[in-house]
Amino acid sequence: MRDRNVGVYVHVPFCERVCPYCDFPVVAARPLRAPDEDRYVAALLRELAVRRADFAGLELASLYLGGGTPSLLRPASLGRLVEAVAEAFPGAAPAEITLEVNPSTVERERLPGFREAGVNRLSVGVQSFDDAALKRLGRAHRAETARETLAATRAAGFANVSLDLIVGVPGQTPADVERDLAETVAFGPEHVSAYALSLEPGTPYAGAVARGRLVLPPEDDVVRMLEAVPERLAAAGILAYEISSLARPGFESVHNRRYWERRPVLGLGMGAWSCEPRGPEAPHGARRANPRGLEAWLEAAERDGSAGAAAEVLSPATARGEAMFLGLRATRGVAAEPFAAEFGAPPRHFFADPIERFLAAGLIEEAPPGDLRLTPHGRLLSDSVFEAFV
C-alpha cells in the first residue's frame, strides 16, 4: 500500500468579498496588501520546509492552489510557491498544477503571468452565466466578466480549464440551468465541477433561508437540475466520473482523485488538511488539520513551521467507513478486492445490512466479486447512503 507520490494543497484564504454561502476558512482582504501577501507566502514556505520531511521520498503528482482566492497573489509569489514545492518533491513526470481563479479584470490580466509561473490548469469560479443568480449568490462578478475571463484563459495558452457551476440557487429554474449548461458546452471546458447549493450552518445564507428571506427551489426542480447536468454534458463528451465532477477523457482531476482514493496530500496554509502517508504506526493513514484562524496559523508557521495539530491516526473502523463513502463518490465505485487487501475482507463482511438495504432501494448496484457503485438514483440521494458508513 506504499504510495509513491504526493499531492500538495496550498490554501490562500484571502477574498475581496466573502460569499454568504461559504464556510471555508477565508478572510476579507480589500485589497490584498503586498506586506500581508509576502508574510503569508513566507509562512507557507516555512511550513513546507518543515513538513516535507513527513512526505520524504514521494514524487509530486499534483499541486492545487485553492482558497479563498489564490489568484489574488502576484504571479511572482505563485512562482515562488510552485518552484519550492517542485524542489521539495521532484518527479520525472510533469505535475498537474491547478490555480483557482475568479472572474475579474485584475485576475484576467494576470493569466499570462500565472502560466509563466508554472500553472498548467485553471479552475474558474463561474457558478452561473445568469446575472440574477450571481446576485443572489452574493458573487462579485457578472456573467459577461465570466465570459471574458474564460476567453482570456485560452488566449493565455491554457489547454486545461475547469469551470465551476452551482445549481439550486434561490429563484433558479431548470430552464435557467439548461441555459448555463448550453453556455458551458459552447465554451468547451476540459472539466466541469457542478455542485448543488448547500446550506452550511452559521453562514449568512443558512440564516437567510431560516428566516424566510431566501427561498430555495422546490426539491423536484433541484432533482431535475442535477439530472440535467450529466445528461447535457455527456452529449458534449464531458463525462461524469464523480458525483460533482465531469471531464473529457484524460482530463479528470489528478488532485481531487487523491482525496477519494485516500492517498497522501500535504496541506499547507490556514485551515488546510493533510492526509498523512501510511506507515507501520498508521497502516490506514492519518490526517492533520491546521488552525482556521489567520493569526494562529501564521504564528505557528513562523514559530516552528509545523502549524498542524497532532496527527489523528485512523482506526480500521474509521478507515473502512471512509473507504466506502469516498469510493462511492466516484462513478467506478468501491472495488472489493483492494478493499479486502487492506481490511482483510470485502465490504459485505462489514456492511452487509446497509448494502442489502440500498440494493433493495435501488440506490447501489453490485457486481462480482462484490464491487459496489451508486446508481443514478443513488447519486441524487448520496448523502443518505454515505451516512450508513460513517
Foldseek 3Di string as FASTA:
>chain_A
DFAQAAEAEEEDQEACDDWLQDPALHDYPVDPDPVNLVLQLVLLLLLCVPCLVLVPRHAYAEYEYYYHASLSDALVSLLVVVVSVCVSHPDDDQHAYEHEHEQDPVSLVRLLSNVVSPHQEYEYEQQALQQVLCVLRVHPDHNVSSVVSLVSNVVSPHPAYEYEHEPFGFPDFLVRLVVRLVVVLVSPHQKYFYYYRDRDPPGSVVVCVVVVVTDTDDPVRRLSSLVVNQVSVVVSQFHAFFLGMTGHPPRGDPVVVCQLQLHFYHYTDAFTKTFGTADPVQNLTWMWTAHSDRVLQSVLSVPRSNRTDDIGRDDLLRSLLSNQLSQQRTQQRHDQVVSCVSNVGGPCVPQVVLVVVCVVVQQWDADPPGGIYGDPVVSVVSVVSSVSSD
